[in-house]
């Protein structure tokens, strides 16, 4: 009886174990099926690849050839970033001895055969071969063809997406990237410029990897060839279309290279809508090799500097609007003003001259007298009405999930008076009226001041980006041109027209008469600001204006910084060269 009971219990235990094992097997089968059909199609934490794809990648030795970051184009669709080139990639298991082909390869890679062989033997993973500057070595078509024949599977000439041009340039508005080693998926982020301001949109959806399949010992599997894996999202990476004319940008950079200009900026705006067509900052920077401790990467076009006599446009506007002077009124300049330590730049004086002539000749005496008739508040309000003392770059709120979108990284507002200046300080007001003392203006503001006058006193908001598109060509965002939302007041159209006419006189018979031989009829205002650098007296030289006079298409600001005192105005000459370049451009640039 006891034996029978034991047999029944054993049989029941076997049934229980069998049932449990059956249930576990069913669960396992369902789990595997779910992984294959559902989870396998879901993404890993970076949101770019499925688990199934990631499992395959783990069996590969690969190299990242495209980080998946969004790219920039100019207004015509020409690439600013993201050029595909061919680069040599070494895979583990290369040659084991030196021969003629290895020596030829070493010459292509700008090294010697022994060094190449040593590094090849020590490889534990694929390696992009780099040049002396630390950038991936670019191969010509002939070199790429030779590399491809040398040792397939051991070295390949692979396509690689180069982010930036190889030479230094003046496009600091574009910015640069910095590495984020703590982020295993998106290893680079925008550190400055548009790269920084548009980072949430540019970061992409994952990398493109070219690889070989390998075995457990990481040896390449024979006859498997190269494989490419990339994100399957057809909307990314995004493409940012800027307002820049890339050909014009490069030509102006070349002009500055062949000029005495070492520091400063050139800004070219479309007179119709204030779009930035070119923005050059000197000294140039190399976005691939940036030292954060240096200042080359800083965009001087949006940094405020002492404006000198170009600020007399503001003083003249304030005097006309307040009725503090009449257009035909005359003044007398004897050189020395006799107060506030002020003198005219022309030592012997200009004699008797009208307000219009005083503007054309940039007479300090005339504008000192105007300042004595104006209040600090009147000067400040006029400057603000013309877009000074504030950030003017295009901006918007609540776009594409961003609370605020700004386009000009590091843009400074500038200022009119130091906050500590007392309203009744006439000396400070006189110095400010001629563009000295504490007043500061950016080259972007200076060029936009001209656009403001051309628009009857309406302040436009300069734009650097026109639209942002999906990879499939669809539009994510349109960034329409618009007036400055924060504009504080305006000026009468008659005042704007008067000032534009006076700027013509500057070129016809005043301080800008050297431009009379330009290809177009031009108008503008010169400026020389006295400042200091490292304890020595230096000047900032300016020229701002527009052309052609008959049908204004471009507003240009040129700032040449920190030149020795008494140096002829280099900014005036460079302004003329830029305008001649624009006049020679086939078809010019159209507003949109």
Protein backbone atom coordinates (compact mmCIF):
# COMPACT_ATOMS: atom_id res chain seq x y z
CA UNK A 1 0.00 0.00 0.00
CA UNK A 2 2.82 2.35 0.91
CA UNK A 3 4.65 1.55 -2.34
CA UNK A 4 1.56 2.31 -4.37
CA UNK A 5 1.17 5.65 -2.60
CA UNK A 6 4.80 6.51 -3.33
CA UNK A 7 4.35 5.63 -7.02
CA UNK A 8 1.30 7.92 -7.23
CA UNK A 9 3.19 10.79 -5.60
CA UNK A 10 6.16 10.37 -7.96
CA UNK A 11 3.81 10.31 -10.92
CA UNK A 12 2.13 13.51 -9.71
CA UNK A 13 5.50 15.23 -9.23
CA UNK A 14 6.51 14.25 -12.73
CA UNK A 15 3.26 15.68 -14.04
CA UNK A 16 3.82 18.92 -12.10
CA UNK A 17 7.40 19.26 -13.38
CA UNK A 18 6.29 18.44 -16.91
CA UNK A 19 3.51 21.03 -16.69
CA UNK A 20 5.88 23.67 -15.33
CA UNK A 21 8.47 22.93 -18.02
CA UNK A 22 5.75 23.05 -20.67
CA UNK A 23 4.58 26.42 -19.38
CA UNK A 24 8.16 27.76 -19.35
CA UNK A 25 8.73 26.51 -22.90
CA UNK A 26 5.53 28.18 -24.06
CA UNK A 27 6.55 31.42 -22.31
CA UNK A 28 10.00 31.22 -23.91
CA UNK A 29 8.52 30.66 -27.36
CA UNK A 30 6.13 33.60 -26.89
CA UNK A 31 8.99 35.73 -25.63
CA UNK A 32 11.19 34.91 -28.61
CA UNK A 33 8.30 35.53 -30.95
CA UNK A 34 7.64 38.90 -29.34
CA UNK A 35 11.29 39.87 -29.58
CA UNK A 36 11.37 38.95 -33.26
CA UNK A 37 8.07 40.53 -34.26
CA UNK A 38 7.60 43.45 -31.88
CA UNK A 39 10.58 44.32 -29.71
CA UNK A 40 13.01 43.61 -32.52
CA UNK A 41 11.45 46.48 -34.42
CA UNK A 42 11.53 48.85 -31.44
CA UNK A 43 14.46 51.19 -30.96
CA UNK A 44 17.38 51.20 -28.59
CA UNK A 45 17.78 54.19 -26.27
CA UNK A 46 19.20 56.55 -28.90
CA UNK A 47 15.98 56.16 -30.86
CA UNK A 48 17.66 55.45 -34.20
CA UNK A 49 18.00 51.67 -34.60
CA UNK A 50 15.98 48.60 -33.78
CA UNK A 51 17.17 45.99 -31.33
CA UNK A 52 17.53 43.54 -34.21
CA UNK A 53 19.75 45.99 -36.09
CA UNK A 54 21.80 46.68 -32.98
CA UNK A 55 22.36 42.95 -32.49
CA UNK A 56 23.74 42.70 -36.02
CA UNK A 57 25.99 45.71 -35.43
CA UNK A 58 27.47 43.99 -32.38
CA UNK A 59 28.76 41.28 -34.72
CA UNK A 60 30.48 43.86 -36.90
CA UNK A 61 33.69 45.88 -36.89
CA UNK A 62 32.58 49.25 -38.19
CA UNK A 63 33.50 52.87 -38.61
CA UNK A 64 31.21 55.88 -38.32
CA UNK A 65 31.18 57.74 -41.64
CA UNK A 66 28.30 60.11 -40.90
CA UNK A 67 27.27 61.31 -37.45
CA UNK A 68 23.73 61.97 -38.71
CA UNK A 69 23.80 65.66 -37.78
CA UNK A 70 21.71 68.12 -39.77
CA UNK A 71 23.48 70.20 -42.43
CA UNK A 72 23.53 73.79 -43.68
CA UNK A 73 23.18 75.16 -47.20
CA UNK A 74 23.33 78.68 -48.56
CA UNK A 75 20.29 80.48 -50.00
CA UNK A 76 20.78 78.71 -53.35
CA UNK A 77 21.10 75.21 -51.88
CA UNK A 78 24.89 74.99 -52.09
CA UNK A 79 26.37 72.91 -49.26
CA UNK A 80 28.04 74.72 -46.39
CA UNK A 81 28.48 71.57 -44.31
CA UNK A 82 28.33 67.85 -45.04
CA UNK A 83 30.53 67.20 -48.08
CA UNK A 84 31.13 63.55 -48.94
CA UNK A 85 34.79 62.63 -49.51
CA UNK A 86 36.82 59.40 -49.68
CA UNK A 87 39.06 58.49 -46.75
CA UNK A 88 41.31 55.46 -46.07
CA UNK A 89 40.07 53.07 -43.38
CA UNK A 90 42.36 50.35 -42.01
CA UNK A 91 40.79 47.14 -40.68
CA UNK A 92 42.50 44.64 -38.33
CA UNK A 93 44.36 41.82 -40.07
CA UNK A 94 46.34 43.88 -42.57
CA UNK A 95 49.64 43.01 -44.34
CA UNK A 96 52.25 41.09 -42.40
CA UNK A 97 55.32 42.23 -44.38
CA UNK A 98 56.66 45.16 -46.30
CA UNK A 99 56.58 45.16 -50.08
CA UNK A 100 56.34 47.68 -52.92
CA UNK A 101 52.58 48.04 -52.65
CA UNK A 102 52.87 48.82 -48.94
CA UNK A 103 55.49 51.47 -49.68
CA UNK A 104 53.23 53.03 -52.31
CA UNK A 105 50.34 53.02 -49.87
CA UNK A 106 52.54 54.65 -47.22
CA UNK A 107 53.33 57.46 -49.66
CA UNK A 108 49.61 58.01 -50.28
CA UNK A 109 49.02 58.12 -46.52
CA UNK A 110 51.96 60.52 -45.99
CA UNK A 111 53.88 58.17 -43.72
CA UNK A 112 56.59 55.52 -44.04
CA UNK A 113 56.05 51.81 -44.58
CA UNK A 114 57.50 50.73 -41.22
CA UNK A 115 55.25 53.08 -39.25
CA UNK A 116 52.22 52.05 -41.28
CA UNK A 117 52.92 48.35 -40.76
CA UNK A 118 53.48 48.87 -37.03
CA UNK A 119 50.16 50.65 -36.57
CA UNK A 120 48.32 48.17 -38.78
CA UNK A 121 49.54 45.18 -36.80
CA UNK A 122 48.43 46.79 -33.54
CA UNK A 123 44.87 47.52 -34.63
CA UNK A 124 42.09 46.18 -32.45
CA UNK A 125 39.34 47.96 -34.35
CA UNK A 126 38.93 49.82 -37.66
CA UNK A 127 40.85 53.08 -37.98
CA UNK A 128 40.24 56.16 -40.14
CA UNK A 129 43.67 57.35 -41.22
CA UNK A 130 44.22 61.02 -40.43
CA UNK A 131 46.51 63.74 -41.76
CA UNK A 132 49.00 65.80 -39.78
CA UNK A 133 46.27 68.18 -38.58
CA UNK A 134 44.24 65.34 -37.09
CA UNK A 135 41.53 65.38 -39.77
CA UNK A 136 40.58 62.33 -41.85
CA UNK A 137 42.91 62.16 -44.86
CA UNK A 138 41.03 62.89 -48.07
CA UNK A 139 41.91 60.80 -51.12
CA UNK A 140 41.78 61.80 -54.75
CA UNK A 141 39.82 59.57 -57.13
CA UNK A 142 43.05 58.02 -58.37
CA UNK A 143 44.33 57.37 -54.84
CA UNK A 144 40.98 55.90 -53.78
CA UNK A 145 41.02 53.52 -56.75
CA UNK A 146 44.54 52.34 -55.89
CA UNK A 147 43.67 51.80 -52.22
CA UNK A 148 40.61 49.78 -53.20
CA UNK A 149 42.76 47.38 -55.26
CA UNK A 150 45.53 47.01 -52.71
CA UNK A 151 44.05 44.80 -50.03
CA UNK A 152 40.26 44.49 -50.07
CA UNK A 153 39.05 43.76 -46.59
CA UNK A 154 42.20 45.16 -45.00
CA UNK A 155 42.04 48.74 -46.24
CA UNK A 156 39.14 50.48 -47.95
CA UNK A 157 38.57 53.94 -49.44
CA UNK A 158 35.23 54.65 -47.80
CA UNK A 159 32.83 57.55 -48.21
CA UNK A 160 33.02 59.93 -45.27
CA UNK A 161 30.88 62.97 -44.52
CA UNK A 162 33.18 65.90 -43.81
CA UNK A 163 31.48 68.55 -41.66
CA UNK A 164 33.53 71.63 -42.50
CA UNK A 165 35.83 72.95 -45.18
CA UNK A 166 39.50 72.30 -44.59
CA UNK A 167 40.60 75.95 -44.48
CA UNK A 168 40.10 78.74 -41.97
CA UNK A 169 37.33 81.18 -42.85
CA UNK A 170 35.28 84.13 -41.62
CA UNK A 171 31.99 82.26 -41.07
CA UNK A 172 31.96 82.43 -37.27
CA UNK A 173 28.18 82.77 -37.50
CA UNK A 174 28.17 79.05 -38.37
CA UNK A 175 30.03 78.05 -35.19
CA UNK A 176 31.67 74.72 -34.37
CA UNK A 177 31.11 71.48 -32.45
CA UNK A 178 32.52 70.07 -29.25
CA UNK A 179 32.77 66.45 -28.20
CA UNK A 180 30.52 65.03 -25.49
CA UNK A 181 32.19 61.80 -24.36
CA UNK A 182 29.49 61.20 -21.76
CA UNK A 183 26.92 60.79 -24.55
CA UNK A 184 27.47 57.43 -26.23
CA UNK A 185 25.20 58.19 -29.17
CA UNK A 186 25.41 61.89 -30.04
CA UNK A 187 29.10 62.57 -29.48
CA UNK A 188 29.15 66.16 -30.76
CA UNK A 189 27.06 69.19 -29.88
CA UNK A 190 26.99 72.77 -31.09
CA UNK A 191 29.38 74.99 -29.14
CA UNK A 192 28.80 78.31 -30.93
CA UNK A 193 26.98 79.99 -33.81
CA UNK A 194 24.07 78.36 -35.60
CA UNK A 195 25.44 74.96 -34.57
CA UNK A 196 24.64 75.93 -30.99
CA UNK A 197 21.44 77.90 -31.53
CA UNK A 198 19.84 75.10 -33.58
CA UNK A 199 21.27 72.17 -31.58
CA UNK A 200 17.86 70.65 -30.65
CA UNK A 201 17.04 70.33 -34.35
CA UNK A 202 20.48 69.38 -35.67
CA UNK A 203 21.43 66.55 -33.32
CA UNK A 204 20.04 63.92 -35.69
CA UNK A 205 18.68 60.41 -35.28
CA UNK A 206 21.81 58.27 -35.27
CA UNK A 207 25.01 57.40 -37.08
CA UNK A 208 25.76 55.78 -40.42
CA UNK A 209 28.25 52.92 -39.99
CA UNK A 210 30.17 50.97 -42.64
CA UNK A 211 31.45 47.65 -41.33
CA UNK A 212 32.74 44.11 -41.86
CA UNK A 213 31.14 41.09 -40.24
CA UNK A 214 33.51 39.46 -37.75
CA UNK A 215 33.71 36.20 -35.82
CA UNK A 216 34.12 35.79 -32.08
CA UNK A 217 37.85 36.50 -32.37
CA UNK A 218 37.04 39.70 -34.32
CA UNK A 219 38.48 38.30 -37.54
CA UNK A 220 36.76 39.40 -40.73
CA UNK A 221 34.45 36.75 -42.16
CA UNK A 222 35.47 35.93 -45.73
CA UNK A 223 33.29 36.92 -48.70
CA UNK A 224 30.94 39.04 -46.60
CA UNK A 225 31.90 42.44 -48.01
CA UNK A 226 31.09 45.81 -46.53
CA UNK A 227 27.76 46.61 -44.97
CA UNK A 228 26.17 49.99 -44.31
CA UNK A 229 23.72 50.57 -41.48
CA UNK A 230 21.97 53.88 -40.95
CA UNK A 231 18.80 55.21 -39.33
CA UNK A 232 15.63 54.38 -41.25
CA UNK A 233 13.90 57.70 -40.50
CA UNK A 234 13.23 59.41 -43.85
CA UNK A 235 12.72 62.81 -42.17
CA UNK A 236 16.20 63.14 -40.69
CA UNK A 237 18.77 64.60 -40.75
CA UNK A 238 17.29 68.06 -41.21
CA UNK A 239 18.68 70.63 -43.61
CA UNK A 240 18.97 74.31 -42.71
CA UNK A 241 18.80 76.77 -45.60
CA UNK A 242 20.56 79.98 -44.61
CA UNK A 243 20.26 83.42 -46.21
CA UNK A 244 23.98 83.42 -47.03
CA UNK A 245 25.29 83.69 -50.59
CA UNK A 246 28.25 81.32 -50.20
CA UNK A 247 30.07 82.52 -53.33
CA UNK A 248 29.76 86.13 -52.18
CA UNK A 249 30.89 85.19 -48.67
CA UNK A 250 34.06 83.57 -50.00
CA UNK A 251 34.84 86.46 -52.34
CA UNK A 252 34.57 88.98 -49.51
CA UNK A 253 36.74 86.78 -47.32
CA UNK A 254 39.30 86.87 -50.12
CA UNK A 255 39.05 90.68 -50.29
CA UNK A 256 39.82 90.94 -46.59
CA UNK A 257 42.73 88.53 -46.98
CA UNK A 258 44.31 90.86 -49.54
CA UNK A 259 43.63 94.01 -47.52
CA UNK A 260 45.51 95.41 -44.51
CA UNK A 261 42.55 94.39 -42.33
CA UNK A 262 43.61 92.11 -39.47
CA UNK A 263 40.65 92.54 -37.12
CA UNK A 264 37.07 93.53 -37.76
CA UNK A 265 34.00 92.53 -39.73
CA UNK A 266 32.08 93.01 -42.98
CA UNK A 267 28.28 92.65 -43.10
CA UNK A 268 26.22 92.66 -46.32
CA UNK A 269 22.44 92.87 -45.94
CA UNK A 270 19.73 92.58 -48.56
CA UNK A 271 18.30 96.11 -48.55
CA UNK A 272 14.84 94.71 -49.28
CA UNK A 273 14.39 92.53 -46.19
CA UNK A 274 17.61 92.74 -44.09
CA UNK A 275 18.65 89.16 -44.88
CA UNK A 276 22.33 88.52 -44.17
CA UNK A 277 23.94 87.76 -47.54
CA UNK A 278 27.50 87.72 -46.22
CA UNK A 279 29.02 88.13 -42.76
CA UNK A 280 32.80 88.00 -42.48
CA UNK A 281 34.67 88.18 -39.19
CA UNK A 282 38.44 88.59 -38.84
CA UNK A 283 40.69 87.05 -37.74
CA UNK A 284 39.49 83.84 -39.39
CA UNK A 285 38.84 80.63 -37.46
CA UNK A 286 39.13 76.93 -38.25
CA UNK A 287 35.94 75.18 -37.05
CA UNK A 288 37.77 71.83 -37.02
CA UNK A 289 40.46 73.06 -34.63
CA UNK A 290 39.16 75.61 -32.15
CA UNK A 291 41.01 76.70 -29.04
CA UNK A 292 38.33 78.00 -26.63
CA UNK A 293 40.98 80.22 -25.01
CA UNK A 294 41.51 82.17 -28.24
CA UNK A 295 39.07 84.72 -29.62
CA UNK A 296 39.16 83.85 -33.32
CA UNK A 297 35.92 81.86 -33.06
CA UNK A 298 34.04 84.92 -31.73
CA UNK A 299 31.87 86.62 -34.35
CA UNK A 300 32.94 90.28 -34.41
CA UNK A 301 29.99 91.16 -36.63
CA UNK A 302 27.71 90.90 -33.56
CA UNK A 303 30.14 92.32 -30.99
CA UNK A 304 29.73 95.97 -30.01
CA UNK A 305 32.52 98.47 -30.69
CA UNK A 306 32.97 102.24 -30.44
CA UNK A 307 31.26 103.58 -33.61
CA UNK A 308 32.86 106.98 -34.04
CA UNK A 309 31.26 109.30 -36.58
CA UNK A 310 28.77 106.83 -38.04
CA UNK A 311 26.78 107.57 -34.87
CA UNK A 312 26.32 111.11 -36.20
CA UNK A 313 23.44 109.65 -38.25
CA UNK A 314 21.61 109.19 -34.94
CA UNK A 315 22.52 112.67 -33.68
CA UNK A 316 21.37 114.29 -36.92
CA UNK A 317 18.09 112.34 -36.84
CA UNK A 318 17.46 113.36 -33.22
CA UNK A 319 18.13 117.03 -34.01
CA UNK A 320 15.82 117.05 -37.05
CA UNK A 321 13.03 115.16 -35.27
CA UNK A 322 13.21 117.38 -32.17
CA UNK A 323 13.38 120.61 -34.20
CA UNK A 324 16.74 121.39 -32.59
CA UNK A 325 18.20 122.30 -35.99
CA UNK A 326 17.00 123.16 -39.47
CA UNK A 327 18.33 121.57 -42.63
CA UNK A 328 19.65 124.87 -44.01
CA UNK A 329 21.16 126.13 -40.76
CA UNK A 330 24.86 127.11 -40.83
CA UNK A 331 27.62 126.59 -38.26
CA UNK A 332 31.19 127.79 -37.90
CA UNK A 333 34.08 125.43 -37.22
CA UNK A 334 37.49 126.81 -36.24
CA UNK A 335 39.05 123.45 -35.36
CA UNK A 336 39.25 123.80 -31.59
CA UNK A 337 35.83 123.60 -29.95
CA UNK A 338 36.84 125.24 -26.70
CA UNK A 339 35.02 122.90 -24.30
CA UNK A 340 34.91 119.26 -23.14
CA UNK A 341 38.42 118.68 -24.55
CA UNK A 342 36.84 118.45 -28.02
CA UNK A 343 38.38 119.41 -31.34
CA UNK A 344 37.43 118.82 -34.95
CA UNK A 345 39.43 116.24 -36.88
CA UNK A 346 40.41 119.03 -39.28
CA UNK A 347 42.88 121.06 -37.22
CA UNK A 348 42.40 124.34 -39.09
CA UNK A 349 38.62 123.94 -39.01
CA UNK A 350 35.99 123.81 -41.76
CA UNK A 351 34.95 127.45 -41.53
CA UNK A 352 31.28 128.21 -42.15
CA UNK A 353 29.23 125.25 -43.37
CA UNK A 354 25.64 124.06 -43.48
CA UNK A 355 24.23 121.18 -41.48
CA UNK A 356 24.28 119.05 -44.64
CA UNK A 357 27.93 119.98 -45.29
CA UNK A 358 28.76 119.30 -41.65
CA UNK A 359 27.36 115.80 -42.07
CA UNK A 360 29.25 115.22 -45.32
CA UNK A 361 32.53 116.48 -43.81
CA UNK A 362 31.84 114.75 -40.44
CA UNK A 363 32.55 117.99 -38.59
CA UNK A 364 32.76 117.43 -34.84
CA UNK A 365 31.98 121.07 -34.09
CA UNK A 366 28.60 120.91 -35.83
CA UNK A 367 27.56 117.78 -33.94
CA UNK A 368 28.83 119.06 -30.61
CA UNK A 369 26.56 122.08 -31.01
CA UNK A 370 23.63 119.78 -31.86
CA UNK A 371 24.33 117.70 -28.75
CA UNK A 372 24.20 120.81 -26.55
CA UNK A 373 20.67 121.45 -27.83
CA UNK A 374 19.50 117.87 -27.25
CA UNK A 375 18.80 115.97 -24.06
CA UNK A 376 20.26 112.60 -23.07
CA UNK A 377 16.77 111.16 -23.35
CA UNK A 378 16.28 112.47 -26.90
CA UNK A 379 19.53 110.92 -28.10
CA UNK A 380 18.73 107.62 -26.40
CA UNK A 381 15.20 107.44 -27.78
CA UNK A 382 16.37 108.20 -31.31
CA UNK A 383 19.07 105.51 -31.12
CA UNK A 384 16.51 102.96 -29.94
CA UNK A 385 14.06 104.01 -32.67
CA UNK A 386 16.81 103.22 -35.19
CA UNK A 387 17.46 99.77 -33.72
CA UNK A 388 20.48 100.52 -31.52
CA UNK A 389 20.99 99.60 -27.87
CA UNK A 390 19.15 96.29 -28.32
CA UNK A 391 19.52 92.88 -29.94
CA UNK A 392 18.06 93.08 -33.43
CA UNK A 393 18.67 89.59 -34.84
CA UNK A 394 15.69 87.50 -35.94
CA UNK A 395 14.01 85.66 -33.08
CA UNK A 396 10.76 83.89 -32.32
CA UNK A 397 9.13 81.96 -29.51
CA UNK A 398 7.61 78.47 -29.26
CA UNK A 399 8.90 77.05 -32.54
CA UNK A 400 9.50 73.31 -33.03
CA UNK A 401 9.38 72.70 -29.30
CA UNK A 402 11.89 75.46 -28.50
CA UNK A 403 10.75 78.17 -26.10
CA UNK A 404 12.87 80.74 -27.91
CA UNK A 405 14.73 80.56 -31.19
CA UNK A 406 17.54 83.05 -31.79
CA UNK A 407 19.88 82.97 -34.77
CA UNK A 408 22.86 85.13 -33.77
CA UNK A 409 24.90 83.51 -31.04
CA UNK A 410 26.59 85.99 -28.71
CA UNK A 411 24.84 89.01 -30.23
CA UNK A 412 25.44 92.09 -28.10
CA UNK A 413 22.91 94.87 -27.61
CA UNK A 414 25.45 97.68 -27.48
CA UNK A 415 24.60 100.85 -25.55
CA UNK A 416 24.16 104.57 -25.86
CA UNK A 417 25.08 105.95 -22.42
CA UNK A 418 26.64 104.33 -19.40
CA UNK A 419 23.95 103.92 -16.76
CA UNK A 420 26.05 105.99 -14.33
CA UNK A 421 26.05 109.08 -16.57
CA UNK A 422 23.89 111.89 -15.24
CA UNK A 423 21.31 113.38 -17.58
CA UNK A 424 22.72 116.88 -17.18
CA UNK A 425 26.30 115.84 -18.06
CA UNK A 426 26.66 117.87 -21.26
CA UNK A 427 30.24 116.77 -21.82
CA UNK A 428 29.22 113.12 -21.88
CA UNK A 429 26.36 113.94 -24.26
CA UNK A 430 28.68 115.82 -26.63
CA UNK A 431 31.20 112.95 -26.70
CA UNK A 432 28.37 110.46 -27.29
CA UNK A 433 26.93 112.58 -30.13
CA UNK A 434 30.14 112.12 -32.13
CA UNK A 435 30.24 108.37 -31.41
CA UNK A 436 32.80 108.34 -28.60
CA UNK A 437 32.63 107.91 -24.82
CA UNK A 438 30.45 104.91 -23.84
CA UNK A 439 28.41 104.39 -27.01
CA UNK A 440 28.77 100.95 -28.62
CA UNK A 441 27.37 99.51 -31.84
CA UNK A 442 27.76 96.18 -33.66
CA UNK A 443 28.51 95.94 -37.40
CA UNK A 444 25.19 94.09 -37.78
CA UNK A 445 23.37 97.01 -36.15
CA UNK A 446 25.31 99.47 -38.33
CA UNK A 447 24.32 97.74 -41.57
CA UNK A 448 20.75 97.42 -40.35
CA UNK A 449 20.68 101.13 -39.51
CA UNK A 450 21.09 101.77 -43.25
CA UNK A 451 18.27 99.32 -44.04
CA UNK A 452 16.09 101.14 -41.49
CA UNK A 453 16.58 104.45 -43.30
CA UNK A 454 15.82 102.77 -46.63
CA UNK A 455 12.54 101.49 -45.11
CA UNK A 456 11.38 104.95 -44.06
CA UNK A 457 12.43 104.38 -40.47
CA UNK A 458 11.02 100.88 -39.94
CA UNK A 459 13.56 98.65 -38.16
CA UNK A 460 13.89 95.26 -39.81
CA UNK A 461 15.12 92.15 -37.98
CA UNK A 462 18.13 90.66 -39.83
CA UNK A 463 17.64 87.01 -40.72
CA UNK A 464 20.32 84.33 -41.09
CA UNK A 465 18.07 81.28 -41.76
CA UNK A 466 15.23 81.10 -44.28
CA UNK A 467 13.79 77.63 -43.68
CA UNK A 468 14.45 74.25 -42.09
CA UNK A 469 13.62 71.19 -44.19
CA UNK A 470 13.23 67.47 -43.63
CA UNK A 471 15.58 65.09 -45.40
CA UNK A 472 12.80 64.20 -47.86
CA UNK A 473 12.44 67.83 -48.93
CA UNK A 474 9.38 68.70 -46.85
CA UNK A 475 9.39 71.89 -44.79
CA UNK A 476 9.58 71.75 -41.01
CA UNK A 477 9.85 75.49 -40.37
CA UNK A 478 9.63 78.69 -42.41
CA UNK A 479 11.35 81.65 -40.80
CA UNK A 480 9.68 84.67 -42.45
CA UNK A 481 11.40 88.04 -42.65
CA UNK A 482 9.81 90.59 -40.34
CA UNK A 483 10.22 93.93 -38.64
CA UNK A 484 11.87 94.11 -35.23
CA UNK A 485 9.16 93.21 -32.66
CA UNK A 486 10.89 95.24 -29.93
CA UNK A 487 11.35 98.45 -31.97
CA UNK A 488 10.91 101.48 -29.75
CA UNK A 489 9.26 104.23 -31.76
CA UNK A 490 10.09 105.32 -35.28
CA UNK A 491 11.24 108.36 -37.24
CA UNK A 492 9.41 110.39 -39.85
CA UNK A 493 9.97 109.19 -43.45
CA UNK A 494 11.09 112.71 -44.40
CA UNK A 495 13.89 112.49 -41.82
CA UNK A 496 14.98 109.13 -43.26
CA UNK A 497 15.01 110.53 -46.82
CA UNK A 498 17.00 113.59 -45.71
CA UNK A 499 19.66 111.43 -44.07
CA UNK A 500 19.91 109.17 -47.14
CA UNK A 501 20.41 112.26 -49.32
CA UNK A 502 23.13 113.52 -46.95
CA UNK A 503 24.84 110.12 -47.21
CA UNK A 504 25.00 110.68 -50.99
CA UNK A 505 26.76 113.98 -50.31
CA UNK A 506 29.35 112.16 -48.18
CA UNK A 507 30.46 110.25 -51.29
CA UNK A 508 30.04 113.13 -53.72
CA UNK A 509 31.99 115.78 -51.82
CA UNK A 510 32.72 114.65 -48.25
CA UNK A 511 34.83 112.12 -46.38
CA UNK A 512 33.81 109.31 -48.76
CA UNK A 513 34.62 111.06 -52.05
CA UNK A 514 37.23 108.41 -52.81
CA UNK A 515 34.25 106.19 -53.70
CA UNK A 516 33.07 108.47 -56.50
CA UNK A 517 34.83 106.26 -59.07
CA UNK A 518 33.01 103.07 -57.96
CA UNK A 519 31.02 101.01 -60.48
CA UNK A 520 27.77 102.13 -58.82
CA UNK A 521 26.68 105.44 -57.40
CA UNK A 522 27.09 104.91 -53.66
CA UNK A 523 26.05 106.62 -50.46
CA UNK A 524 27.33 106.20 -46.93
CA UNK A 525 28.96 107.53 -43.79
CA UNK A 526 32.52 107.16 -42.57
CA UNK A 527 33.63 106.93 -38.97
CA UNK A 528 36.85 106.88 -36.99
CA UNK A 529 36.66 106.00 -33.30
CA UNK A 530 39.56 106.69 -30.98
CA UNK A 531 40.16 103.85 -28.55
CA UNK A 532 43.02 101.93 -27.00
CA UNK A 533 44.60 98.48 -27.01
CA UNK A 534 47.22 97.26 -24.54
CA UNK A 535 47.97 100.80 -23.46
CA UNK A 536 48.46 102.27 -26.94
CA UNK A 537 46.20 104.59 -28.90
CA UNK A 538 44.46 102.88 -31.81
CA UNK A 539 41.44 103.58 -33.98
CA UNK A 540 38.37 101.69 -35.14
CA UNK A 541 37.60 102.63 -38.74
CA UNK A 542 34.08 102.35 -40.14
CA UNK A 543 32.20 102.88 -43.34
CA UNK A 544 28.51 102.07 -43.75
CA UNK A 545 26.27 102.72 -46.72
CA UNK A 546 24.16 101.43 -49.58
CA UNK A 547 24.08 101.05 -53.33
CA UNK A 548 23.24 101.56 -56.02
CA UNK A 549 21.71 104.93 -55.10
CA UNK A 550 19.10 104.76 -57.88
CA UNK A 551 17.77 101.38 -56.75
CA UNK A 552 19.25 100.38 -53.37
CA UNK A 553 19.84 96.65 -53.21
CA UNK A 554 22.55 96.22 -50.59
CA UNK A 555 23.41 97.75 -47.23
CA UNK A 556 27.01 97.19 -46.15
CA UNK A 557 28.93 97.84 -42.95
CA UNK A 558 32.72 97.57 -42.72
CA UNK A 559 34.63 97.77 -39.44
CA UNK A 560 38.44 97.66 -39.34
CA UNK A 561 39.58 97.47 -35.74
CA UNK A 562 42.69 98.47 -33.81
CA UNK A 563 44.66 100.22 -36.54
CA UNK A 564 47.40 102.70 -35.64
CA UNK A 565 46.22 106.27 -35.17
CA UNK A 566 46.49 108.56 -38.23
CA UNK A 567 46.14 105.57 -40.60
CA UNK A 568 44.02 106.41 -43.69
CA UNK A 569 40.51 104.95 -43.49
CA UNK A 570 40.88 101.36 -44.69
CA UNK A 571 37.17 100.70 -44.16
CA UNK A 572 36.20 103.19 -46.90
CA UNK A 573 38.39 101.44 -49.46
CA UNK A 574 37.16 97.98 -48.49
CA UNK A 575 33.54 99.19 -48.64
CA UNK A 576 34.15 100.31 -52.22
CA UNK A 577 35.71 96.96 -53.12
CA UNK A 578 32.74 95.07 -51.66
CA UNK A 579 30.29 97.27 -53.58
CA UNK A 580 32.26 96.79 -56.83
CA UNK A 581 32.14 93.05 -56.21
CA UNK A 582 28.37 93.22 -55.79
CA UNK A 583 28.04 95.33 -58.94
CA UNK A 584 30.01 92.74 -60.91
CA UNK A 585 27.98 89.78 -59.65
CA UNK A 586 25.86 88.29 -62.42
CA UNK A 587 22.20 88.87 -61.67
CA UNK A 588 22.87 89.96 -58.10
CA UNK A 589 20.79 88.63 -55.23
CA UNK A 590 17.00 88.79 -55.02
CA UNK A 591 14.89 89.33 -51.92
CA UNK A 592 12.41 86.70 -50.74
